[in-house]
């Protein structure tokens, strides 16, 4: 259970940082890097594996629906670099 809370805390921190990053000259938000997306997906997957009964709330906290998370997983699977980052961040 402790791992779930740590994973969710890390996920929320990554999400908050990704949402608050802005460029100095334009004020536009920076898009998260593909590696950040893969790490974030791995954190969500780890949390889901640790507590499947809370899947909806875990996905909501990460800013996902079941469909959007599934799309992100397909995007990661289609990209070898993102897949490597995801595999490294995913708990066995």
PDB file of N, CA and C in Angstrom:
ATOM      1  N   UNK A   1       0.832  -1.184   0.000  1.00  0.00           N
ATOM      2  CA  UNK A   1       0.000   0.000   0.000  1.00  0.00           C
ATOM      3  C   UNK A   1       0.881   1.254   0.000  1.00  0.00           C
ATOM      4  N   UNK A   2       2.007   1.170   0.706  1.00  0.00           N
ATOM      5  CA  UNK A   2       2.913   2.305   0.757  1.00  0.00           C
ATOM      6  C   UNK A   2       3.450   2.642  -0.625  1.00  0.00           C
ATOM      7  N   UNK A   3       3.717   1.590  -1.424  1.00  0.00           N
ATOM      8  CA  UNK A   3       4.222   1.796  -2.785  1.00  0.00           C
ATOM      9  C   UNK A   3       3.177   2.533  -3.623  1.00  0.00           C
ATOM     10  N   UNK A   4       1.916   2.184  -3.429  1.00  0.00           N
ATOM     11  CA  UNK A   4       0.840   2.847  -4.169  1.00  0.00           C
ATOM     12  C   UNK A   4       0.822   4.332  -3.859  1.00  0.00           C
ATOM     13  N   UNK A   5       0.895   4.676  -2.582  1.00  0.00           N
ATOM     14  CA  UNK A   5       0.855   6.086  -2.214  1.00  0.00           C
ATOM     15  C   UNK A   5       2.083   6.833  -2.718  1.00  0.00           C
ATOM     16  N   UNK A   6       3.243   6.195  -2.653  1.00  0.00           N
ATOM     17  CA  UNK A   6       4.452   6.836  -3.177  1.00  0.00           C
ATOM     18  C   UNK A   6       4.352   7.013  -4.685  1.00  0.00           C
ATOM     19  N   UNK A   7       3.822   5.996  -5.362  1.00  0.00           N
ATOM     20  CA  UNK A   7       3.660   6.089  -6.815  1.00  0.00           C
ATOM     21  C   UNK A   7       2.689   7.185  -7.203  1.00  0.00           C
ATOM     22  N   UNK A   8       1.571   7.269  -6.477  1.00  0.00           N
ATOM     23  CA  UNK A   8       0.597   8.316  -6.766  1.00  0.00           C
ATOM     24  C   UNK A   8       1.166   9.698  -6.463  1.00  0.00           C
ATOM     25  N   UNK A   9       1.919   9.806  -5.378  1.00  0.00           N
ATOM     26  CA  UNK A   9       2.532  11.094  -5.046  1.00  0.00           C
ATOM     27  C   UNK A   9       3.518  11.520  -6.137  1.00  0.00           C
ATOM     28  N   UNK A  10       4.313  10.567  -6.603  1.00  0.00           N
ATOM     29  CA  UNK A  10       5.261  10.873  -7.678  1.00  0.00           C
ATOM     30  C   UNK A  10       4.527  11.242  -8.961  1.00  0.00           C
ATOM     31  N   UNK A  11       3.468  10.520  -9.247  1.00  0.00           N
ATOM     32  CA  UNK A  11       2.668  10.803 -10.438  1.00  0.00           C
ATOM     33  C   UNK A  11       2.067  12.198 -10.379  1.00  0.00           C
ATOM     34  N   UNK A  12       1.514  12.550  -9.246  1.00  0.00           N
ATOM     35  CA  UNK A  12       0.927  13.881  -9.100  1.00  0.00           C
ATOM     36  C   UNK A  12       1.990  14.970  -9.200  1.00  0.00           C
ATOM     37  N   UNK A  13       3.170  14.698  -8.649  1.00  0.00           N
ATOM     38  CA  UNK A  13       4.255  15.676  -8.739  1.00  0.00           C
ATOM     39  C   UNK A  13       4.688  15.872 -10.193  1.00  0.00           C
ATOM     40  N   UNK A  14       4.826  14.780 -10.923  1.00  0.00           N
ATOM     41  CA  UNK A  14       5.203  14.872 -12.338  1.00  0.00           C
ATOM     42  C   UNK A  14       4.127  15.614 -13.118  1.00  0.00           C
ATOM     43  N   UNK A  15       2.868  15.268 -12.836  1.00  0.00           N
ATOM     44  CA  UNK A  15       1.762  15.940 -13.534  1.00  0.00           C
ATOM     45  C   UNK A  15       1.740  17.429 -13.228  1.00  0.00           C
ATOM     46  N   UNK A  16       1.933  17.776 -11.978  1.00  0.00           N
ATOM     47  CA  UNK A  16       1.913  19.188 -11.590  1.00  0.00           C
ATOM     48  C   UNK A  16       3.053  19.952 -12.253  1.00  0.00           C
ATOM     49  N   UNK A  17       4.230  19.339 -12.283  1.00  0.00           N
ATOM     50  CA  UNK A  17       5.375  20.000 -12.914  1.00  0.00           C
ATOM     51  C   UNK A  17       5.150  20.154 -14.410  1.00  0.00           C
ATOM     52  N   UNK A  18       4.621  19.130 -15.027  1.00  0.00           N
ATOM     53  CA  UNK A  18       4.392  19.188 -16.473  1.00  0.00           C
ATOM     54  C   UNK A  18       3.357  20.258 -16.811  1.00  0.00           C
ATOM     55  N   UNK A  19       2.368  20.445 -15.952  1.00  0.00           N
ATOM     56  CA  UNK A  19       1.329  21.426 -16.218  1.00  0.00           C
ATOM     57  C   UNK A  19       1.777  22.854 -15.919  1.00  0.00           C
ATOM     58  N   UNK A  20       2.775  23.024 -15.052  1.00  0.00           N
ATOM     59  CA  UNK A  20       3.170  24.376 -14.684  1.00  0.00           C
ATOM     60  C   UNK A  20       4.382  24.890 -15.461  1.00  0.00           C
ATOM     61  N   UNK A  21       5.036  24.032 -16.247  1.00  0.00           N
ATOM     62  CA  UNK A  21       6.176  24.477 -17.045  1.00  0.00           C
ATOM     63  C   UNK A  21       5.707  25.434 -18.132  1.00  0.00           C
ATOM     64  N   UNK A  22       6.321  26.593 -18.183  1.00  0.00           N
ATOM     65  CA  UNK A  22       5.989  27.559 -19.228  1.00  0.00           C
ATOM     66  C   UNK A  22       7.285  28.144 -19.762  1.00  0.00           C
ATOM     67  N   UNK A  23       7.261  28.544 -21.014  1.00  0.00           N
ATOM     68  CA  UNK A  23       8.434  29.196 -21.565  1.00  0.00           C
ATOM     69  C   UNK A  23       8.446  30.642 -21.098  1.00  0.00           C
ATOM     70  N   UNK A  24       9.625  31.186 -20.932  1.00  0.00           N
ATOM     71  CA  UNK A  24       9.757  32.533 -20.399  1.00  0.00           C
ATOM     72  C   UNK A  24       9.302  33.593 -21.398  1.00  0.00           C
ATOM     73  N   UNK A  25       9.576  33.380 -22.679  1.00  0.00           N
ATOM     74  CA  UNK A  25       9.298  34.432 -23.634  1.00  0.00           C
ATOM     75  C   UNK A  25       7.876  34.394 -24.210  1.00  0.00           C
ATOM     76  N   UNK A  26       7.231  33.252 -24.308  1.00  0.00           N
ATOM     77  CA  UNK A  26       5.908  33.212 -24.921  1.00  0.00           C
ATOM     78  C   UNK A  26       4.787  32.934 -23.938  1.00  0.00           C
ATOM     79  N   UNK A  27       5.094  32.338 -22.809  1.00  0.00           N
ATOM     80  CA  UNK A  27       4.069  31.996 -21.848  1.00  0.00           C
ATOM     81  C   UNK A  27       3.307  30.736 -22.226  1.00  0.00           C
ATOM     82  N   UNK A  28       3.674  30.101 -23.330  1.00  0.00           N
ATOM     83  CA  UNK A  28       3.003  28.874 -23.756  1.00  0.00           C
ATOM     84  C   UNK A  28       3.527  27.686 -22.952  1.00  0.00           C
ATOM     85  N   UNK A  29       2.647  26.713 -22.760  1.00  0.00           N
ATOM     86  CA  UNK A  29       3.053  25.523 -22.023  1.00  0.00           C
ATOM     87  C   UNK A  29       3.955  24.656 -22.896  1.00  0.00           C
ATOM     88  N   UNK A  30       4.935  24.057 -22.252  1.00  0.00           N
ATOM     89  CA  UNK A  30       5.791  23.101 -22.932  1.00  0.00           C
ATOM     90  C   UNK A  30       5.103  21.745 -22.903  1.00  0.00           C
ATOM     91  N   UNK A  31       5.179  21.041 -24.000  1.00  0.00           N
ATOM     92  CA  UNK A  31       4.638  19.681 -24.034  1.00  0.00           C
ATOM     93  C   UNK A  31       5.618  18.759 -23.309  1.00  0.00           C
ATOM     94  N   UNK A  32       5.100  17.798 -22.547  1.00  0.00           N
ATOM     95  CA  UNK A  32       6.014  16.868 -21.893  1.00  0.00           C
ATOM     96  C   UNK A  32       6.772  16.058 -22.936  1.00  0.00           C
ATOM     97  N   UNK A  33       7.990  15.707 -22.606  1.00  0.00           N
ATOM     98  CA  UNK A  33       8.799  14.927 -23.546  1.00  0.00           C
ATOM     99  C   UNK A  33       8.239  13.511 -23.644  1.00  0.00           C
ATOM    100  N   UNK A  34       8.548  12.815 -24.721  1.00  0.00           N
ATOM    101  CA  UNK A  34       8.106  11.427 -24.837  1.00  0.00           C
ATOM    102  C   UNK A  34       8.582  10.567 -23.663  1.00  0.00           C
ATOM    103  N   UNK A  35       9.802  10.829 -23.182  1.00  0.00           N
ATOM    104  CA  UNK A  35      10.312  10.073 -22.042  1.00  0.00           C
ATOM    105  C   UNK A  35       9.481  10.344 -20.790  1.00  0.00           C
ATOM    106  N   UNK A  36       9.070  11.601 -20.588  1.00  0.00           N
ATOM    107  CA  UNK A  36       8.228  11.940 -19.438  1.00  0.00           C
ATOM    108  C   UNK A  36       6.873  11.247 -19.535  1.00  0.00           C
ATOM    109  N   UNK A  37       6.310  11.202 -20.729  1.00  0.00           N
ATOM    110  CA  UNK A  37       5.032  10.509 -20.919  1.00  0.00           C
ATOM    111  C   UNK A  37       5.164   9.021 -20.598  1.00  0.00           C
ATOM    112  N   UNK A  38       6.264   8.410 -21.022  1.00  0.00           N
ATOM    113  CA  UNK A  38       6.473   6.988 -20.767  1.00  0.00           C
ATOM    114  C   UNK A  38       6.663   6.727 -19.273  1.00  0.00           C
ATOM    115  N   UNK A  39       7.439   7.584 -18.593  1.00  0.00           N
ATOM    116  CA  UNK A  39       7.627   7.434 -17.143  1.00  0.00           C
ATOM    117  C   UNK A  39       6.304   7.598 -16.400  1.00  0.00           C
ATOM    118  N   UNK A  40       5.535   8.587 -16.807  1.00  0.00           N
ATOM    119  CA  UNK A  40       4.239   8.833 -16.181  1.00  0.00           C
ATOM    120  C   UNK A  40       3.313   7.635 -16.370  1.00  0.00           C
ATOM    121  N   UNK A  41       3.293   7.073 -17.565  1.00  0.00           N
ATOM    122  CA  UNK A  41       2.460   5.899 -17.835  1.00  0.00           C
ATOM    123  C   UNK A  41       2.906   4.710 -16.985  1.00  0.00           C
ATOM    124  N   UNK A  42       4.205   4.565 -16.793  1.00  0.00           N
ATOM    125  CA  UNK A  42       4.713   3.473 -15.963  1.00  0.00           C
ATOM    126  C   UNK A  42       4.281   3.654 -14.512  1.00  0.00           C
ATOM    127  N   UNK A  43       4.305   4.886 -14.023  1.00  0.00           N
ATOM    128  CA  UNK A  43       3.844   5.144 -12.654  1.00  0.00           C
ATOM    129  C   UNK A  43       2.362   4.797 -12.506  1.00  0.00           C
ATOM    130  N   UNK A  44       1.573   5.164 -13.495  1.00  0.00           N
ATOM    131  CA  UNK A  44       0.149   4.834 -13.457  1.00  0.00           C
ATOM    132  C   UNK A  44      -0.028   3.323 -13.495  1.00  0.00           C
ATOM    133  N   UNK A  45       0.689   2.650 -14.386  1.00  0.00           N
ATOM    134  CA  UNK A  45       0.585   1.189 -14.490  1.00  0.00           C
ATOM    135  C   UNK A  45       1.000   0.515 -13.185  1.00  0.00           C
ATOM    136  N   UNK A  46       2.049   1.025 -12.549  1.00  0.00           N
ATOM    137  CA  UNK A  46       2.480   0.469 -11.263  1.00  0.00           C
ATOM    138  C   UNK A  46       1.388   0.640 -10.211  1.00  0.00           C
ATOM    139  N   UNK A  47       0.773   1.814 -10.173  1.00  0.00           N
ATOM    140  CA  UNK A  47      -0.298   2.070  -9.212  1.00  0.00           C
ATOM    141  C   UNK A  47      -1.506   1.175  -9.488  1.00  0.00           C
ATOM    142  N   UNK A  48      -1.835   0.995 -10.763  1.00  0.00           N
ATOM    143  CA  UNK A  48      -2.951   0.124 -11.131  1.00  0.00           C
ATOM    144  C   UNK A  48      -2.681  -1.324 -10.735  1.00  0.00           C
ATOM    145  N   UNK A  49      -1.458  -1.777 -10.928  1.00  0.00           N
ATOM    146  CA  UNK A  49      -1.098  -3.145 -10.555  1.00  0.00           C
ATOM    147  C   UNK A  49      -1.148  -3.336  -9.040  1.00  0.00           C
ATOM    148  N   UNK A  50      -0.781  -2.291  -8.302  1.00  0.00           N
ATOM    149  CA  UNK A  50      -0.782  -2.382  -6.845  1.00  0.00           C
ATOM    150  C   UNK A  50      -2.190  -2.355  -6.263  1.00  0.00           C
ATOM    151  N   UNK A  51      -3.125  -1.677  -6.942  1.00  0.00           N
ATOM    152  CA  UNK A  51      -4.478  -1.545  -6.408  1.00  0.00           C
ATOM    153  C   UNK A  51      -5.498  -1.479  -7.551  1.00  0.00           C
ATOM    154  N   UNK A  52      -5.773  -2.619  -8.186  1.00  0.00           N
ATOM    155  CA  UNK A  52      -6.691  -2.619  -9.323  1.00  0.00           C
ATOM    156  C   UNK A  52      -8.102  -2.140  -8.975  1.00  0.00           C
ATOM    157  N   UNK A  53      -8.515  -2.309  -7.742  1.00  0.00           N
ATOM    158  CA  UNK A  53      -9.866  -1.889  -7.343  1.00  0.00           C
ATOM    159  C   UNK A  53     -10.036  -0.373  -7.417  1.00  0.00           C
ATOM    160  N   UNK A  54      -8.948   0.361  -7.362  1.00  0.00           N
ATOM    161  CA  UNK A  54      -8.998   1.823  -7.405  1.00  0.00           C
ATOM    162  C   UNK A  54      -8.634   2.372  -8.780  1.00  0.00           C
ATOM    163  N   UNK A  55      -8.811   1.566  -9.810  1.00  0.00           N
ATOM    164  CA  UNK A  55      -8.373   1.947 -11.154  1.00  0.00           C
ATOM    165  C   UNK A  55      -8.956   3.275 -11.609  1.00  0.00           C
ATOM    166  N   UNK A  56     -10.252   3.454 -11.439  1.00  0.00           N
ATOM    167  CA  UNK A  56     -10.875   4.702 -11.910  1.00  0.00           C
ATOM    168  C   UNK A  56     -10.298   5.925 -11.216  1.00  0.00           C
ATOM    169  N   UNK A  57     -10.101   5.837  -9.900  1.00  0.00           N
ATOM    170  CA  UNK A  57      -9.570   7.004  -9.181  1.00  0.00           C
ATOM    171  C   UNK A  57      -8.096   7.241  -9.506  1.00  0.00           C
ATOM    172  N   UNK A  58      -7.339   6.179  -9.740  1.00  0.00           N
ATOM    173  CA  UNK A  58      -5.924   6.325 -10.116  1.00  0.00           C
ATOM    174  C   UNK A  58      -5.830   7.006 -11.484  1.00  0.00           C
ATOM    175  N   UNK A  59      -6.642   6.537 -12.431  1.00  0.00           N
ATOM    176  CA  UNK A  59      -6.628   7.142 -13.766  1.00  0.00           C
ATOM    177  C   UNK A  59      -7.073   8.599 -13.706  1.00  0.00           C
ATOM    178  N   UNK A  60      -8.106   8.884 -12.926  1.00  0.00           N
ATOM    179  CA  UNK A  60      -8.596  10.260 -12.809  1.00  0.00           C
ATOM    180  C   UNK A  60      -7.530  11.171 -12.209  1.00  0.00           C
ATOM    181  N   UNK A  61      -6.834  10.684 -11.171  1.00  0.00           N
ATOM    182  CA  UNK A  61      -5.772  11.480 -10.541  1.00  0.00           C
ATOM    183  C   UNK A  61      -4.640  11.782 -11.520  1.00  0.00           C
ATOM    184  N   UNK A  62      -4.444  10.876 -12.472  1.00  0.00           N
ATOM    185  CA  UNK A  62      -3.389  11.065 -13.478  1.00  0.00           C
ATOM    186  C   UNK A  62      -3.881  11.837 -14.692  1.00  0.00           C
ATOM    187  N   UNK A  63      -5.154  12.233 -14.682  1.00  0.00           N
ATOM    188  CA  UNK A  63      -5.703  12.993 -15.803  1.00  0.00           C
ATOM    189  C   UNK A  63      -6.082  12.130 -16.990  1.00  0.00           C
ATOM    190  N   UNK A  64      -6.387  10.862 -16.733  1.00  0.00           N
ATOM    191  CA  UNK A  64      -6.720   9.926 -17.799  1.00  0.00           C
ATOM    192  C   UNK A  64      -8.131   9.370 -17.634  1.00  0.00           C
ATOM    193  N   UNK A  65      -8.671   8.907 -18.742  1.00  0.00           N
ATOM    194  CA  UNK A  65      -9.806   8.007 -18.746  1.00  0.00           C
ATOM    195  C   UNK A  65      -9.231   6.647 -19.135  1.00  0.00           C
ATOM    196  N   UNK A  66     -10.051   5.612 -19.087  1.00  0.00           N
ATOM    197  CA  UNK A  66      -9.549   4.306 -19.529  1.00  0.00           C
ATOM    198  C   UNK A  66      -9.109   4.378 -20.989  1.00  0.00           C
ATOM    199  N   UNK A  67      -9.871   5.088 -21.798  1.00  0.00           N
ATOM    200  CA  UNK A  67      -9.557   5.185 -23.222  1.00  0.00           C
ATOM    201  C   UNK A  67      -8.277   5.980 -23.482  1.00  0.00           C
ATOM    202  N   UNK A  68      -8.115   7.101 -22.778  1.00  0.00           N
ATOM    203  CA  UNK A  68      -6.916   7.917 -23.014  1.00  0.00           C
ATOM    204  C   UNK A  68      -5.653   7.195 -22.542  1.00  0.00           C
ATOM    205  N   UNK A  69      -5.765   6.446 -21.448  1.00  0.00           N
ATOM    206  CA  UNK A  69      -4.597   5.693 -20.973  1.00  0.00           C
ATOM    207  C   UNK A  69      -4.259   4.579 -21.961  1.00  0.00           C
ATOM    208  N   UNK A  70      -5.280   3.925 -22.493  1.00  0.00           N
ATOM    209  CA  UNK A  70      -5.042   2.876 -23.478  1.00  0.00           C
ATOM    210  C   UNK A  70      -4.379   3.454 -24.733  1.00  0.00           C
ATOM    211  N   UNK A  71      -4.840   4.632 -25.196  1.00  0.00           N
ATOM    212  CA  UNK A  71      -4.212   5.281 -26.354  1.00  0.00           C
ATOM    213  C   UNK A  71      -2.747   5.591 -26.071  1.00  0.00           C
ATOM    214  N   UNK A  72      -2.469   6.074 -24.856  1.00  0.00           N
ATOM    215  CA  UNK A  72      -1.086   6.400 -24.507  1.00  0.00           C
ATOM    216  C   UNK A  72      -0.225   5.138 -24.492  1.00  0.00           C
ATOM    217  N   UNK A  73      -0.781   4.031 -24.014  1.00  0.00           N
ATOM    218  CA  UNK A  73      -0.020   2.786 -23.992  1.00  0.00           C
ATOM    219  C   UNK A  73       0.292   2.313 -25.416  1.00  0.00           C
ATOM    220  N   UNK A  74      -0.663   2.460 -26.343  1.00  0.00           N
ATOM    221  CA  UNK A  74      -0.409   2.106 -27.741  1.00  0.00           C
ATOM    222  C   UNK A  74       0.670   3.013 -28.342  1.00  0.00           C
ATOM    223  N   UNK A  75       0.630   4.293 -27.994  1.00  0.00           N
ATOM    224  CA  UNK A  75       1.643   5.237 -28.489  1.00  0.00           C
ATOM    225  C   UNK A  75       3.032   4.836 -27.981  1.00  0.00           C
ATOM    226  N   UNK A  76       3.108   4.450 -26.729  1.00  0.00           N
ATOM    227  CA  UNK A  76       4.389   4.023 -26.149  1.00  0.00           C
ATOM    228  C   UNK A  76       4.870   2.746 -26.828  1.00  0.00           C
ATOM    229  N   UNK A  77       3.965   1.798 -27.032  1.00  0.00           N
ATOM    230  CA  UNK A  77       4.336   0.530 -27.655  1.00  0.00           C
ATOM    231  C   UNK A  77       4.834   0.713 -29.087  1.00  0.00           C
ATOM    232  N   UNK A  78       4.353   1.740 -29.765  1.00  0.00           N
ATOM    233  CA  UNK A  78       4.748   1.986 -31.151  1.00  0.00           C
ATOM    234  C   UNK A  78       6.099   2.680 -31.270  1.00  0.00           C
ATOM    235  N   UNK A  79       6.642   3.169 -30.185  1.00  0.00           N
ATOM    236  CA  UNK A  79       7.898   3.923 -30.204  1.00  0.00           C
ATOM    237  C   UNK A  79       8.936   3.179 -29.371  1.00  0.00           C
ATOM    238  N   UNK A  80      10.020   2.747 -30.003  1.00  0.00           N
ATOM    239  CA  UNK A  80      11.018   1.927 -29.301  1.00  0.00           C
ATOM    240  C   UNK A  80      11.704   2.674 -28.153  1.00  0.00           C
ATOM    241  N   UNK A  81      11.969   3.971 -28.333  1.00  0.00           N
ATOM    242  CA  UNK A  81      12.612   4.736 -27.255  1.00  0.00           C
ATOM    243  C   UNK A  81      11.674   4.896 -26.055  1.00  0.00           C
ATOM    244  N   UNK A  82      10.411   5.218 -26.348  1.00  0.00           N
ATOM    245  CA  UNK A  82       9.435   5.347 -25.259  1.00  0.00           C
ATOM    246  C   UNK A  82       9.225   3.999 -24.568  1.00  0.00           C
ATOM    247  N   UNK A  83       9.219   2.919 -25.339  1.00  0.00           N
ATOM    248  CA  UNK A  83       9.051   1.587 -24.770  1.00  0.00           C
ATOM    249  C   UNK A  83      10.189   1.246 -23.813  1.00  0.00           C
ATOM    250  N   UNK A  84      11.406   1.635 -24.193  1.00  0.00           N
ATOM    251  CA  UNK A  84      12.554   1.368 -23.324  1.00  0.00           C
ATOM    252  C   UNK A  84      12.455   2.149 -22.014  1.00  0.00           C
ATOM    253  N   UNK A  85      12.050   3.408 -22.090  1.00  0.00           N
ATOM    254  CA  UNK A  85      11.883   4.226 -20.882  1.00  0.00           C
ATOM    255  C   UNK A  85      10.782   3.634 -20.010  1.00  0.00           C
ATOM    256  N   UNK A  86       9.681   3.246 -20.633  1.00  0.00           N
ATOM    257  CA  UNK A  86       8.556   2.655 -19.896  1.00  0.00           C
ATOM    258  C   UNK A  86       9.010   1.368 -19.187  1.00  0.00           C
ATOM    259  N   UNK A  87       9.693   0.499 -19.904  1.00  0.00           N
ATOM    260  CA  UNK A  87      10.142  -0.773 -19.325  1.00  0.00           C
ATOM    261  C   UNK A  87      11.076  -0.551 -18.143  1.00  0.00           C
ATOM    262  N   UNK A  88      11.907   0.452 -18.241  1.00  0.00           N
ATOM    263  CA  UNK A  88      12.844   0.747 -17.158  1.00  0.00           C
ATOM    264  C   UNK A  88      12.116   1.274 -15.913  1.00  0.00           C
ATOM    265  N   UNK A  89      11.047   2.038 -16.119  1.00  0.00           N
ATOM    266  CA  UNK A  89      10.318   2.636 -15.009  1.00  0.00           C
ATOM    267  C   UNK A  89       9.248   1.727 -14.436  1.00  0.00           C
ATOM    268  N   UNK A  90       8.833   0.723 -15.190  1.00  0.00           N
ATOM    269  CA  UNK A  90       7.760  -0.178 -14.749  1.00  0.00           C
ATOM    270  C   UNK A  90       8.289  -1.182 -13.753  1.00  0.00           C
ATOM    271  N   UNK A  91       7.551  -1.353 -12.639  1.00  0.00           N
ATOM    272  CA  UNK A  91       7.913  -2.385 -11.669  1.00  0.00           C
ATOM    273  C   UNK A  91       7.601  -3.756 -12.245  1.00  0.00           C
ATOM    274  N   UNK A  92       8.480  -4.723 -11.965  1.00  0.00           N
ATOM    275  CA  UNK A  92       8.234  -6.086 -12.503  1.00  0.00           C
ATOM    276  C   UNK A  92       7.008  -6.727 -11.889  1.00  0.00           C
TER     277      UNK A  92
END
